Amino acid sequence: MNLYTMVLDFHGGTYITQFDASTAVDAVTAWCNELQEEQLLGEVSSDVAEGIMIDAVENRLVEVEGLHNVWCAATTAGGPLALLNIIETHIAAG
């Protein structure tokens, strides 16, 4: 399992959370499921989650140029742009 940090920029807010998952797409799936179940963005939560899943799975996550283990997905479902950045987070042994 890997730790993924998810950073969503949406409608003037920044939302950050982390998920343990095997792949970045699995982390996005877990994030989308939580977004829908908890309605974290209010009424538009399901639309945003569905739009991100379509972009991340059907269109594939986009690697952020010049960075390692960083991807993004986006949607305009629910109104304004929802931009999700996914960062594979390594924890140093200490």
Protein backbone atom coordinates (compact mmCIF):
# COMPACT_ATOMS: atom_id res chain seq x y z
CA MET A 1 0.00 0.00 0.00
CA ASN A 2 1.05 3.55 -0.72
CA LEU A 3 -0.05 6.78 0.89
CA TYR A 4 -1.64 9.31 -1.47
CA THR A 5 -2.31 12.93 -0.63
CA MET A 6 -5.32 14.35 -2.42
CA VAL A 7 -5.59 18.13 -2.91
CA LEU A 8 -8.86 19.42 -4.35
CA ASP A 9 -9.24 23.03 -5.48
CA PHE A 10 -12.94 23.80 -5.90
CA HIS A 11 -15.08 26.91 -5.77
CA GLY A 12 -12.52 28.98 -3.86
CA GLY A 13 -11.67 26.27 -1.33
CA THR A 14 -8.80 23.81 -0.95
CA TYR A 15 -9.56 20.40 0.53
CA ILE A 16 -6.75 18.02 1.54
CA THR A 17 -6.98 14.40 2.63
CA GLN A 18 -4.95 11.19 2.44
CA PHE A 19 -5.72 7.60 1.49
CA ASP A 20 -3.80 4.33 1.63
CA ALA A 21 -4.19 2.55 -1.70
CA SER A 22 -2.36 0.27 -4.11
CA THR A 23 -2.46 2.75 -7.00
CA ALA A 24 -3.27 6.39 -7.63
CA VAL A 25 -6.50 5.37 -9.39
CA ASP A 26 -7.51 3.30 -6.34
CA ALA A 27 -6.87 6.37 -4.16
CA VAL A 28 -9.04 8.51 -6.45
CA THR A 29 -11.79 5.88 -6.29
CA ALA A 30 -11.67 5.86 -2.47
CA TRP A 31 -11.72 9.67 -2.43
CA CYS A 32 -14.70 9.82 -4.80
CA ASN A 33 -16.61 7.25 -2.75
CA GLU A 34 -16.03 9.26 0.44
CA LEU A 35 -17.00 12.49 -1.29
CA GLN A 36 -20.30 10.97 -2.43
CA GLU A 37 -21.09 9.22 0.87
CA GLU A 38 -20.25 12.17 3.13
CA GLN A 39 -21.47 14.90 0.72
CA LEU A 40 -18.36 16.90 1.64
CA LEU A 41 -19.08 19.61 -0.95
CA GLY A 42 -22.82 19.73 -0.38
CA GLU A 43 -25.26 19.13 -3.22
CA VAL A 44 -22.58 19.05 -5.94
CA SER A 45 -20.56 16.28 -4.25
CA SER A 46 -21.93 13.45 -6.38
CA ASP A 47 -21.52 15.39 -9.63
CA VAL A 48 -17.91 16.28 -8.78
CA ALA A 49 -17.10 12.71 -7.72
CA GLU A 50 -18.61 11.24 -10.89
CA GLY A 51 -16.81 13.78 -13.10
CA ILE A 52 -13.45 13.13 -11.45
CA MET A 53 -13.93 9.35 -11.81
CA ILE A 54 -14.67 9.72 -15.50
CA ASP A 55 -11.56 11.86 -16.00
CA ALA A 56 -9.31 9.68 -13.82
CA VAL A 57 -10.45 6.28 -15.06
CA GLU A 58 -11.79 6.71 -18.59
CA ASN A 59 -9.40 9.47 -19.66
CA ARG A 60 -6.56 8.38 -17.33
CA LEU A 61 -4.83 10.43 -14.71
CA VAL A 62 -2.58 13.10 -16.18
CA GLU A 63 1.00 13.11 -14.94
CA VAL A 64 2.10 16.59 -13.89
CA GLU A 65 5.00 17.51 -16.15
CA GLY A 66 8.37 17.76 -14.43
CA LEU A 67 7.24 16.02 -11.24
CA HIS A 68 7.43 12.40 -10.09
CA ASN A 69 4.42 10.55 -8.69
CA VAL A 70 2.05 13.50 -9.11
CA TRP A 71 -1.11 13.36 -11.20
CA CYS A 72 -4.22 15.42 -11.71
CA ALA A 73 -7.83 15.00 -12.78
CA ALA A 74 -10.47 17.64 -13.35
CA THR A 75 -14.15 18.17 -14.02
CA THR A 76 -16.62 20.98 -14.44
CA ALA A 77 -19.51 18.81 -13.25
CA GLY A 78 -21.41 20.70 -10.60
CA GLY A 79 -20.42 24.10 -11.98
CA PRO A 80 -16.94 25.56 -11.45
CA LEU A 81 -13.73 23.70 -12.21
CA ALA A 82 -12.82 21.00 -9.70
CA LEU A 83 -9.10 20.22 -9.94
CA LEU A 84 -7.82 17.20 -7.99
CA ASN A 85 -4.08 16.74 -7.54
CA ILE A 86 -2.90 13.30 -6.42
CA ILE A 87 0.53 12.99 -4.81
CA GLU A 88 2.13 9.70 -3.90
CA THR A 89 3.51 10.48 -0.45
CA HIS A 90 6.57 8.67 0.86
CA ILE A 91 7.09 8.55 4.59
CA ALA A 92 10.70 8.45 5.75
CA ALA A 93 11.52 5.72 8.23
CA GLY A 94 12.50 7.28 11.45
